[in-house]
Each structure stands twice: as structure tokens, then as C-alpha cells.
Protein backbone atom coordinates (compact mmCIF):
# COMPACT_ATOMS: atom_id res chain seq x y z
CA MET A 1 -67.91 135.67 77.20
CA THR A 2 -68.33 131.93 76.72
CA PRO A 3 -67.26 129.54 73.98
CA ARG A 4 -70.92 128.83 73.31
CA SER A 5 -71.55 132.45 72.30
CA ALA A 6 -69.80 131.85 68.98
CA ALA A 7 -72.35 129.25 67.88
CA ARG A 8 -75.30 130.58 65.90
CA PRO A 9 -78.33 128.67 64.61
CA GLY A 10 -77.80 127.46 61.06
CA LEU A 11 -74.02 127.98 61.21
CA ASP A 12 -71.91 125.01 60.10
CA PRO A 13 -70.60 123.34 63.31
CA ARG A 14 -67.02 123.32 61.93
CA ILE A 15 -67.15 127.09 61.34
CA ALA A 16 -68.65 127.67 64.78
CA ARG A 17 -65.85 125.49 66.22
CA ARG A 18 -63.16 127.63 64.54
CA HIS A 19 -64.72 130.75 66.07
CA GLU A 20 -64.92 129.11 69.52
CA LEU A 21 -61.31 128.00 69.42
CA ALA A 22 -60.10 131.39 68.19
CA ARG A 23 -61.93 133.15 71.02
CA LEU A 24 -60.61 130.75 73.64
CA ARG A 25 -57.04 131.07 72.37
CA ALA A 26 -57.38 134.86 72.45
CA LEU A 27 -58.36 134.48 76.11
CA GLY A 28 -55.19 132.45 76.76
CA VAL A 29 -56.63 128.93 76.75
CA GLU A 30 -54.19 126.29 75.52
CA ILE A 31 -56.35 124.12 73.31
CA THR A 32 -55.62 121.67 70.48
CA GLU A 33 -57.86 119.65 68.20
CA ILE A 34 -57.27 115.91 68.26
CA SER A 35 -57.26 113.93 65.01
CA ARG A 36 -60.46 112.10 64.10
CA ALA A 37 -58.82 108.68 64.46
CA ARG A 38 -57.48 109.53 67.93
CA THR A 39 -60.83 111.09 68.87
CA ARG A 40 -62.61 107.87 67.92
CA ALA A 41 -60.16 105.74 69.96
CA MET A 42 -60.44 108.04 72.99
CA PHE A 43 -64.23 108.14 72.73
CA GLU A 44 -64.35 104.34 72.68
CA ARG A 45 -62.16 104.34 75.81
CA PHE A 46 -64.51 106.87 77.41
CA ALA A 47 -67.46 104.58 76.64
CA ARG A 48 -65.67 101.52 78.11
CA GLU A 49 -64.79 103.35 81.30
CA PHE A 50 -67.75 105.64 81.98
CA ILE A 51 -70.79 104.11 80.26
CA ALA A 52 -72.61 101.17 81.83
CA PRO A 53 -71.65 98.09 79.76
CA GLU A 54 -75.24 96.93 79.38
CA HIS A 55 -76.01 100.24 77.64
CA SER A 56 -72.97 100.52 75.37
CA ALA A 57 -74.55 99.30 72.10
CA ARG A 58 -77.58 101.56 72.51
CA PHE A 59 -75.30 104.40 73.65
CA PHE A 60 -73.29 104.36 70.40
CA GLU A 61 -76.49 104.30 68.35
CA ASP A 62 -77.88 107.25 70.34
CA VAL A 63 -74.64 109.22 69.86
CA ARG A 64 -74.76 108.65 66.10
CA ARG A 65 -78.36 109.93 65.98
CA ARG A 66 -78.36 112.73 68.55
CA GLY A 67 -74.82 113.50 69.68
CA LEU A 68 -74.17 113.80 73.41
CA ASP A 69 -77.35 115.72 74.23
CA ASP A 70 -78.64 112.95 76.51
CA LEU A 71 -75.34 111.61 77.89
CA GLN A 72 -76.46 111.58 81.53
CA ARG A 73 -78.90 108.82 80.63
CA TRP A 74 -76.02 106.46 79.75
CA MET A 75 -73.45 107.25 82.45
CA ARG A 76 -72.54 104.67 85.08
CA HIS A 77 -75.02 105.36 87.86
CA ASP A 78 -72.82 103.75 90.52
CA CYS A 79 -70.28 106.57 90.33
CA THR A 80 -72.08 109.58 88.80
CA LEU A 81 -73.43 112.51 90.81
CA ARG A 82 -75.20 115.73 89.90
CA THR A 83 -73.29 118.62 91.43
CA ILE A 84 -72.65 122.34 91.29
CA ALA A 85 -70.37 123.94 88.72
CA GLN A 86 -68.08 125.63 91.23
CA GLY A 87 -64.76 123.79 91.42
CA CYS A 88 -65.67 121.47 88.58
CA LEU A 89 -62.35 121.70 86.73
CA ALA A 90 -60.30 121.45 89.92
CA TRP A 91 -62.20 118.24 90.70
CA LEU A 92 -60.72 116.64 87.56
CA GLY A 93 -57.25 116.90 89.09
CA PRO A 94 -54.58 119.42 90.07
CA ARG A 95 -54.87 122.07 87.37
CA GLU A 96 -51.23 123.20 87.41
CA ASN A 97 -49.57 119.84 86.80
CA LEU A 98 -52.35 117.94 85.09
CA ASP A 99 -51.76 116.74 81.56
CA PRO A 100 -54.26 118.28 79.17
CA CYS A 101 -57.71 116.88 79.67
CA VAL A 102 -59.74 115.62 76.76
CA ARG A 103 -63.00 117.34 75.88
CA PHE A 104 -65.64 115.68 73.73
CA GLU A 105 -68.11 117.95 71.99
CA LYS A 106 -71.84 117.39 72.27
CA SER A 107 -71.82 117.02 68.48
CA ALA A 108 -70.36 113.63 67.56
CA ASP A 109 -69.12 115.01 64.23
CA LEU A 110 -66.46 117.26 65.76
CA PRO A 111 -63.01 116.12 66.86
CA ALA A 112 -62.19 116.07 70.56
CA LEU A 113 -59.99 118.74 72.13
CA GLU A 114 -57.02 118.68 74.47
CA ILE A 115 -57.22 121.54 76.95
CA ALA A 116 -54.64 122.65 79.50
CA LEU A 117 -56.97 123.01 82.49
CA ALA A 118 -54.77 125.61 84.19
CA THR A 119 -55.59 127.96 81.29
CA MET A 120 -59.36 127.39 81.33
CA ASP A 121 -61.80 129.36 83.47
CA GLU A 122 -64.37 127.43 85.54
CA THR A 123 -67.21 129.66 84.34
CA TRP A 124 -66.37 129.06 80.69
CA ALA A 125 -66.23 125.29 81.21
CA ALA A 126 -69.56 125.24 83.07
CA SER A 127 -71.27 127.06 80.20
CA TRP A 128 -69.93 124.79 77.45
CA PRO A 129 -71.95 121.57 77.03
CA GLY A 130 -69.75 118.55 76.46
CA VAL A 131 -67.54 116.16 78.42
CA PHE A 132 -64.18 116.88 80.07
CA VAL A 133 -62.22 113.69 80.85
CA ASN A 134 -59.08 112.98 82.86
CA PHE A 135 -58.40 109.35 82.00
CA ASP A 136 -55.46 109.08 84.41
CA ALA A 137 -57.63 110.12 87.37
CA GLY A 138 -60.62 108.10 86.13
CA ARG A 139 -62.87 111.14 86.18
CA ALA A 140 -65.29 112.65 83.69
CA LEU A 141 -67.17 115.92 84.02
CA VAL A 142 -70.34 116.27 81.96
CA ILE A 143 -71.91 119.65 81.22
CA THR A 144 -75.39 118.96 79.85
CA VAL A 145 -77.25 121.11 77.33
CA ASP A 146 -79.29 122.35 80.32
CA TYR A 147 -76.02 123.33 82.10
CA GLU A 148 -76.34 120.61 84.68
CA VAL A 149 -73.00 119.33 85.95
CA LEU A 150 -72.39 115.61 86.43
CA ARG A 151 -69.24 114.19 88.00
CA CYS A 152 -68.36 110.59 87.19
CA ASP A 153 -65.54 109.17 89.31
CA ARG A 154 -64.65 105.54 88.58
CA GLY A 155 -62.56 105.47 91.76
CA ALA A 156 -65.69 106.14 93.83
CA ALA A 157 -67.19 102.82 92.75
CA ARG A 158 -64.86 100.37 94.50
CA THR A 159 -67.59 97.72 94.68
CA SER A 160 -69.02 98.46 91.26
CA PRO A 161 -70.87 95.70 89.42
CA TYR A 162 -69.00 96.88 86.29
CA ARG A 163 -65.50 95.88 87.48
């Protein structure tokens, strides 16, 4: 059972979201929607920290048109790697004492989520396209619409041209 299974073609994304969240909560996941204003501020921070500055204007235009379907195209290449799904949530930080991570939906119209990682299963996360971010650790985990996994670690780019 994955969060994605609740989404059906033609279903309003907000209704699909309610179903996804209800299913996840029933499975014991601690998850909270973030207000739209806070989502916008956090998304702008995400863009400043994880998107190459020379692409930021085009990135925001692309997100408005298409959502996050093509996010890997915009990520900072100096610190982003394609990887396997196994251990992806643990890579974000210690699951037991990590503050809730922020998850941005692939649809730009939906508010972000705060998720207690210790309550989330790796398999569910790897089958749910979107972005999981731990701002404190400087790490973002991208699950693409093709279920590819990208790890972006700002700390890995000590000699980055973006700093």
C-alpha cells in the first residue's frame, strides 16, 4: 500500500491528498499539512539552497507550469547523485531524533507536509514522487515521477561554485 495508490486520474488533487493523508495516518505516520504561506517560504528556501542559482528564474517558471515533474533538471549538479531507494530516509538524518522533515508535493498547488521520519516506511517514501528536505542537515531527497531517487547534499559540495 502506497500513498500514491489513493490518486486516481481525473480526481481533484486536494481530494486525492485527503485520501493519501488519511491512509498514511491510519498506518501510523505522523504527518501535518503546512500553511500555504509557510509552504511558499520553505519552497523559496529550498530553491535558494538546492537549485543552481543560474537556473532559479527558469526553475520557478517551470514549477508554475509543470509542477516538480522535472526537478532533477534544476538541482545543483555539484552535490546531487542518483542512488538507490534503500536507506533513503535514514540518509536524511537520524530518524528517531530528527525534527519532522518537509515534503514538497510534485504538484505545486498543494501545501507542503511535515513528516516525522521515524513513522514513515522507506518503501512508501520511495514510491511517492516529491521532495523530502531536512534543512538542518542540508539534504534533500527527490523521488522522481519515474521513481528515480536523487540525493542532494549541500555539505558534499565544500568547493561549490554556488557558495
